[in-house]
Each structure stands twice: as structure tokens, then as C-alpha cells.
Protein backbone atom coordinates (compact mmCIF):
# COMPACT_ATOMS: atom_id res chain seq x y z
CA UNK A 1 -34.17 49.46 26.49
CA UNK A 2 -30.77 51.27 25.74
CA UNK A 3 -27.41 49.42 25.78
CA UNK A 4 -25.48 49.33 28.82
CA UNK A 5 -21.76 48.62 29.65
CA UNK A 6 -20.77 45.12 31.37
CA UNK A 7 -19.55 46.46 34.67
CA UNK A 8 -22.83 46.47 36.76
CA UNK A 9 -24.24 43.18 35.35
CA UNK A 10 -20.89 41.29 36.04
CA UNK A 11 -20.69 42.80 39.49
CA UNK A 12 -24.02 41.62 40.27
CA UNK A 13 -23.40 38.39 38.68
CA UNK A 14 -20.36 37.61 41.05
CA UNK A 15 -22.55 38.96 44.05
CA UNK A 16 -25.25 36.54 42.94
CA UNK A 17 -23.09 33.33 42.11
CA UNK A 18 -24.10 33.12 38.33
CA UNK A 19 -22.56 34.05 35.02
CA UNK A 20 -23.63 36.36 32.09
CA UNK A 21 -23.12 34.68 28.49
CA UNK A 22 -21.51 36.42 25.74
CA UNK A 23 -22.79 35.25 22.44
CA UNK A 24 -21.29 36.20 19.45
CA UNK A 25 -22.97 37.84 16.67
CA UNK A 26 -22.43 35.89 13.10
CA UNK A 27 -25.30 37.67 11.16
CA UNK A 28 -29.07 39.16 11.56
CA UNK A 29 -30.41 35.89 12.63
CA UNK A 30 -27.77 35.17 15.41
CA UNK A 31 -28.55 38.82 16.75
CA UNK A 32 -32.21 38.15 16.53
CA UNK A 33 -32.11 34.74 18.09
CA UNK A 34 -29.76 36.04 21.10
CA UNK A 35 -32.00 39.01 21.93
CA UNK A 36 -35.01 36.78 21.91
CA UNK A 37 -33.56 34.31 24.35
CA UNK A 38 -32.47 36.85 26.67
CA UNK A 39 -35.99 38.38 26.65
CA UNK A 40 -37.82 35.13 27.14
CA UNK A 41 -35.26 34.02 29.88
CA UNK A 42 -35.39 37.47 31.51
CA UNK A 43 -31.48 37.28 31.51
CA UNK A 44 -28.93 40.00 30.93
CA UNK A 45 -27.04 39.36 27.86
CA UNK A 46 -23.59 40.19 26.33
CA UNK A 47 -23.56 40.48 22.33
CA UNK A 48 -20.05 39.76 21.24
CA UNK A 49 -18.56 40.89 17.87
CA UNK A 50 -15.07 39.43 16.95
CA UNK A 51 -12.81 41.69 15.11
CA UNK A 52 -12.87 39.15 12.09
CA UNK A 53 -16.48 39.58 11.61
CA UNK A 54 -16.37 43.32 11.52
CA UNK A 55 -16.08 43.58 7.62
CA UNK A 56 -18.37 40.53 7.22
CA UNK A 57 -20.89 42.23 9.05
CA UNK A 58 -20.78 45.71 7.16
CA UNK A 59 -18.63 47.59 9.67
CA UNK A 60 -18.98 48.64 13.27
CA UNK A 61 -21.68 51.40 12.73
CA UNK A 62 -23.62 48.99 10.80
CA UNK A 63 -23.72 46.42 13.41
CA UNK A 64 -24.36 48.88 16.19
CA UNK A 65 -27.23 50.33 14.32
CA UNK A 66 -28.49 46.72 13.55
CA UNK A 67 -28.56 45.85 17.27
CA UNK A 68 -30.19 49.13 18.49
CA UNK A 69 -33.00 48.81 15.89
CA UNK A 70 -33.51 45.12 16.96
CA UNK A 71 -33.49 46.32 20.56
CA UNK A 72 -36.55 48.46 19.73
CA UNK A 73 -38.05 46.19 17.02
CA UNK A 74 -37.91 43.09 19.71
CA UNK A 75 -39.01 45.15 22.35
CA UNK A 76 -36.11 44.19 24.65
CA UNK A 77 -36.20 45.27 28.02
CA UNK A 78 -33.40 43.14 29.73
CA UNK A 79 -29.78 44.70 30.10
CA UNK A 80 -27.93 44.12 26.55
CA UNK A 81 -24.31 45.05 26.42
CA UNK A 82 -22.69 45.35 23.05
CA UNK A 83 -18.96 44.22 23.16
CA UNK A 84 -15.99 44.03 20.91
CA UNK A 85 -14.23 40.60 21.47
CA UNK A 86 -10.61 40.44 21.03
CA UNK A 87 -9.93 43.81 19.85
CA UNK A 88 -6.24 43.63 18.76
CA UNK A 89 -5.26 47.37 18.93
CA UNK A 90 -6.14 50.58 20.69
CA UNK A 91 -7.44 51.82 17.44
CA UNK A 92 -9.91 49.26 16.66
CA UNK A 93 -11.16 49.56 20.22
CA UNK A 94 -11.67 53.33 19.93
CA UNK A 95 -13.71 52.80 16.54
CA UNK A 96 -15.82 50.42 18.13
CA UNK A 97 -16.71 53.05 21.14
CA UNK A 98 -17.34 55.77 18.71
CA UNK A 99 -19.70 53.36 16.72
CA UNK A 100 -21.75 52.99 19.94
CA UNK A 101 -20.45 49.76 21.52
CA UNK A 102 -20.42 49.75 25.33
CA UNK A 103 -17.93 47.46 26.18
CA UNK A 104 -14.58 46.38 24.42
CA UNK A 105 -11.91 43.74 24.78
CA UNK A 106 -8.25 44.90 24.38
CA UNK A 107 -6.29 41.62 23.69
CA UNK A 108 -2.48 42.64 24.23
CA UNK A 109 -1.98 39.29 25.88
CA UNK A 110 0.63 38.41 23.16
CA UNK A 111 2.89 41.34 23.90
CA UNK A 112 4.98 41.64 27.08
CA UNK A 113 3.21 42.44 30.42
CA UNK A 114 4.83 46.14 30.02
CA UNK A 115 3.33 46.61 26.93
CA UNK A 116 0.02 44.89 27.57
CA UNK A 117 -0.38 47.26 30.72
CA UNK A 118 0.39 50.42 28.64
CA UNK A 119 -2.04 49.65 25.84
CA UNK A 120 -4.87 48.41 28.12
CA UNK A 121 -4.44 51.55 30.17
CA UNK A 122 -5.04 53.79 27.27
CA UNK A 123 -8.17 51.90 26.33
CA UNK A 124 -9.58 51.77 29.60
CA UNK A 125 -9.01 55.54 30.03
CA UNK A 126 -10.92 56.17 26.81
CA UNK A 127 -13.54 53.79 27.62
CA UNK A 128 -14.50 54.93 31.03
CA UNK A 129 -14.93 58.32 29.88
CA UNK A 130 -17.82 57.15 27.68
CA UNK A 131 -19.16 54.85 30.53
CA UNK A 132 -18.10 51.74 28.70
CA UNK A 133 -16.48 48.66 30.17
CA UNK A 134 -12.94 47.11 29.41
CA UNK A 135 -12.01 43.45 29.36
CA UNK A 136 -8.56 42.53 29.14
CA UNK A 137 -6.69 39.14 28.86
CA UNK A 138 -3.48 37.75 30.41
CA UNK A 139 -1.69 34.29 29.58
CA UNK A 140 -2.59 32.77 26.26
CA UNK A 141 -6.03 31.21 25.45
CA UNK A 142 -5.40 29.22 22.44
CA UNK A 143 -7.53 28.08 19.71
CA UNK A 144 -8.02 25.61 16.59
CA UNK A 145 -5.32 27.56 14.66
CA UNK A 146 -2.91 27.08 17.39
CA UNK A 147 -3.05 23.17 17.27
CA UNK A 148 -2.43 22.65 20.68
CA UNK A 149 -3.76 20.11 23.03
CA UNK A 150 -5.03 20.58 26.26
CA UNK A 151 -1.84 19.49 28.05
CA UNK A 152 -0.01 22.30 25.95
CA UNK A 153 -2.63 24.91 26.82
CA UNK A 154 -1.94 24.30 30.50
CA UNK A 155 1.70 25.90 30.00
CA UNK A 156 0.29 29.24 28.82
CA UNK A 157 -1.74 29.66 32.31
CA UNK A 158 -1.84 33.24 33.65
CA UNK A 159 0.29 34.19 36.57
CA UNK A 160 -1.54 35.43 39.49
CA UNK A 161 0.92 38.27 40.28
CA UNK A 162 0.94 39.51 36.89
CA UNK A 163 -3.10 39.45 36.92
CA UNK A 164 -2.78 41.60 40.01
CA UNK A 165 -0.76 44.12 38.38
CA UNK A 166 -2.49 44.18 35.44
CA UNK A 167 -5.66 44.90 37.42
CA UNK A 168 -4.22 47.47 39.71
CA UNK A 169 -2.45 49.62 36.99
CA UNK A 170 -5.09 49.53 34.40
CA UNK A 171 -8.40 50.10 36.01
CA UNK A 172 -9.89 47.23 33.74
CA UNK A 173 -13.50 46.01 34.91
CA UNK A 174 -13.08 42.32 34.06
CA UNK A 175 -10.11 39.66 33.40
CA UNK A 176 -9.97 36.81 31.17
CA UNK A 177 -7.07 34.89 32.52
CA UNK A 178 -5.77 32.00 30.43
CA UNK A 179 -6.53 28.96 32.57
CA UNK A 180 -6.91 26.02 30.29
CA UNK A 181 -9.72 26.93 28.05
CA UNK A 182 -9.61 26.86 24.31
CA UNK A 183 -11.35 28.70 21.33
CA UNK A 184 -13.22 26.29 19.00
CA UNK A 185 -13.52 22.61 19.82
CA UNK A 186 -11.63 20.89 22.26
CA UNK A 187 -9.13 17.92 21.56
CA UNK A 188 -9.23 15.98 24.77
CA UNK A 189 -10.59 16.64 28.14
CA UNK A 190 -10.13 20.18 29.02
CA UNK A 191 -8.14 20.89 32.36
CA UNK A 192 -9.10 24.31 33.69
CA UNK A 193 -7.20 25.41 36.69
CA UNK A 194 -9.92 26.11 39.20
CA UNK A 195 -7.53 26.64 42.14
CA UNK A 196 -5.66 29.47 40.17
CA UNK A 197 -9.12 30.92 38.95
CA UNK A 198 -10.13 31.36 42.64
CA UNK A 199 -6.82 32.73 43.68
CA UNK A 200 -6.71 35.42 40.77
CA UNK A 201 -10.52 36.22 41.48
CA UNK A 202 -9.74 36.77 45.18
CA UNK A 203 -6.59 38.94 44.69
CA UNK A 204 -7.64 41.00 41.82
CA UNK A 205 -11.15 41.64 43.02
CA UNK A 206 -12.40 41.33 39.55
CA UNK A 207 -15.19 39.37 37.70
CA UNK A 208 -13.23 36.84 35.69
CA UNK A 209 -14.09 35.73 32.10
CA UNK A 210 -13.96 32.35 30.68
CA UNK A 211 -13.32 32.36 26.89
CA UNK A 212 -14.15 28.93 24.97
CA UNK A 213 -17.27 28.11 26.93
CA UNK A 214 -18.48 25.90 23.90
CA UNK A 215 -17.82 22.12 24.40
CA UNK A 216 -17.12 22.44 28.13
CA UNK A 217 -18.97 19.71 30.11
CA UNK A 218 -21.73 21.29 32.44
CA UNK A 219 -19.87 20.63 35.60
CA UNK A 220 -16.73 22.54 34.42
CA UNK A 221 -18.87 25.39 33.79
CA UNK A 222 -20.49 25.26 37.35
CA UNK A 223 -17.08 24.93 39.00
CA UNK A 224 -15.76 27.83 36.90
CA UNK A 225 -18.72 30.09 38.20
CA UNK A 226 -18.15 28.99 41.73
CA UNK A 227 -14.55 30.17 41.36
CA UNK A 228 -15.50 33.62 40.48
CA UNK A 229 -16.16 33.51 36.70
CA UNK A 230 -19.06 36.05 35.81
CA UNK A 231 -18.79 36.02 32.00
CA UNK A 232 -18.89 33.06 29.81
CA UNK A 233 -18.15 33.36 25.93
CA UNK A 234 -20.07 31.03 23.61
CA UNK A 235 -19.91 30.84 20.04
CA UNK A 236 -19.00 27.66 18.45
CA UNK A 237 -21.72 25.57 19.93
CA UNK A 238 -24.32 28.18 18.45
CA UNK A 239 -22.51 28.10 15.25
CA UNK A 240 -22.84 24.39 15.11
CA UNK A 241 -26.48 24.46 16.00
CA UNK A 242 -27.25 26.89 13.24
CA UNK A 243 -25.52 24.92 10.50
CA UNK A 244 -27.11 21.67 11.61
CA UNK A 245 -30.49 22.99 11.22
CA UNK A 246 -29.78 24.34 7.81
CA UNK A 247 -28.28 21.07 6.79
CA UNK A 248 -31.39 19.14 8.15
CA UNK A 249 -33.72 21.53 6.57
CA UNK A 250 -32.11 21.28 3.00
CA UNK A 251 -31.82 17.56 3.55
CA UNK A 252 -35.49 17.25 3.92
CA UNK A 253 -36.23 20.10 1.25
CA UNK A 254 -33.91 19.75 -1.20
CA UNK A 255 -36.32 22.22 -3.64
CA UNK A 256 -35.98 25.21 -1.19
CA UNK A 257 -34.59 28.33 -2.57
CA UNK A 258 -35.93 31.12 -0.19
CA UNK A 259 -33.26 31.61 2.36
CA UNK A 260 -36.07 32.10 4.98
CA UNK A 261 -37.38 28.76 4.87
CA UNK A 262 -33.88 27.52 6.34
CA UNK A 263 -32.70 30.47 8.25
CA UNK A 264 -35.98 30.52 10.38
CA UNK A 265 -35.37 27.02 11.75
CA UNK A 266 -31.61 27.91 12.05
CA UNK A 267 -32.49 30.85 14.03
CA UNK A 268 -34.82 29.08 16.14
CA UNK A 269 -32.13 26.55 16.81
CA UNK A 270 -29.65 29.24 18.05
CA UNK A 271 -32.32 30.64 20.37
CA UNK A 272 -32.97 27.16 21.84
CA UNK A 273 -29.20 26.91 22.33
CA UNK A 274 -28.60 30.08 24.06
CA UNK A 275 -31.65 29.76 26.53
CA UNK A 276 -30.07 26.31 27.57
CA UNK A 277 -26.99 28.08 28.25
CA UNK A 278 -28.54 31.05 30.12
CA UNK A 279 -30.16 28.34 32.52
CA UNK A 280 -26.90 26.54 32.79
CA UNK A 281 -25.10 29.87 33.86
CA UNK A 282 -27.92 30.80 36.07
CA UNK A 283 -28.65 34.16 34.69
CA UNK A 284 -32.25 33.32 33.70
CA UNK A 285 -34.68 35.46 35.70
CA UNK A 286 -31.74 37.81 36.88
CA UNK A 287 -32.57 40.80 34.67
CA UNK A 288 -34.82 42.20 37.24
CA UNK A 289 -31.88 42.44 39.65
CA UNK A 290 -30.61 45.98 40.30
CA UNK A 291 -27.17 46.90 41.72
CA UNK A 292 -27.17 49.93 43.79
């Protein structure tokens, strides 16, 4: 099945009361694991590529080529979107689209609102010409590098009025409002702004995106979906599962030198982790749903 944009799958998810997972690609084994999980669960899926991983994985054309080859190799029939995660500029978003990505995130949230709108509008105009979807961010979704606790993260919540303006003036397909989640491991109990999440969803009419889905309690995930979240990003949990499997295998087989011996169980660990998330998000079995 050819790659698709996120637009239809996220609108269908909102209508169906579930969320589609974005699972980041870190290497070949992650890509295989995520696609196999999606096919086994009959779930739509979003393959995320963070900008920092582009050179590590051989460049945007190499990544797109690998994904397309694996779609054929694995006989994937469920909807799959290839998404640039946290693109920092118009230029990198355009390079991703030219390479065959079907969705991009332009993250201009660190700029003033006017500049965020201007950059996002340019990206959206170009992406829509190619049939690709666009995600944008408002507020500040912090991470490990920010060294902030969850109380400090609350101060960076997105403002509903600004979200409405961003949505109206740019034509984006989904919105990631900062509402208390963080990238990487949480320090302390996360405090997500569910009421503001509902308000932003209602006022913008857009599917919402939850970054920092790793480490959140299941009940927080369920509440976020109920509040209008249709896309949930997961990476840290999968990275931890992958690394733990390698450590365990090498601990039991210290004489191993063939990478396949420890990468195969690591791949299987990621596949199991992704399948569990798909069931939690409610996307399992939803690949057959069509939006007219």
C-alpha cells in the first residue's frame, strides 16, 4: 500500500474516539517492528522521523526509500503515513516533502505567534499542493534538555485564542498544543490540561496531537483521547524496550558477535511495545475503516 497523509486517518480517529500512534524510526529494526505491529493489529500508523535522526539514517531520500521498500517487503496493507517530526524550518519541511514524506510538522512554536503563523502558512501551502498533511505546535512542549519539572511545564500551556488563530490563518491539519506533556522521561506526575485540551479541540475543530506519550499513565492517555487527541507520539518507551532487550541478550550470551542475534530480539521487543500502545490507543482493527 502506498504511503498516505495523516489527514483522513486523524479525522476518522476523532470521529471514532481513538488515537493513531506516531512511533519514531531510529533504524531499520525499528521500522520493521512498527510496520509489523501495525499490520498485525490492523491499525493505521504514523512513522515519525525527528530532524536529528535524518543524518544518522542516511538522509531523507534514504529514509523514504527504506520505508517504501519495507512496505512492499512486509506486504503492508494498512494506512501508513511518513511524517517529519519537529521540522525546524520551511526548508527542511520542503526537503522532506520532495523526498516522499507524506506529512510534516513545522515547529515554529519558539517564535512569536505572528512568525509562527507566517512560517506555518508557507509550509501548509506547499504541502497541500502535494497532498501532504501538516502539523503545527503552539506553546512549549519541554524535554529533558530543558530540565523543567511538570509544574514548570504547566506555565508553557498553549493559549486557546492563539490556537484558534493559528488554525484559521494557516489551514493546518492537526495541532499539537503544549498542555503539560514533555519529551523524554517525566520527573514527577504529569499534569495534563484536559479542560483546555477539550476547549482547544472544540474551538479549532482540529484533531489534537499529544507529544511525550511515553511514560504517561494509561488513564491519562484515555482521558486525552476523550478530550480530542487523535495522534499520540511515542519514542522513549520503544527505545527503552529495544535497549533493554539488547542488554539482556548480551548479558546471557556475552560471546555473541553477530548483530542479528541481539537485534532480532530487540526488534521483537519494539513490536510488542507498539502493539500494546495501539491497543491502548484504540486503533487496533481500525485500518479497514474508510472516511468518505
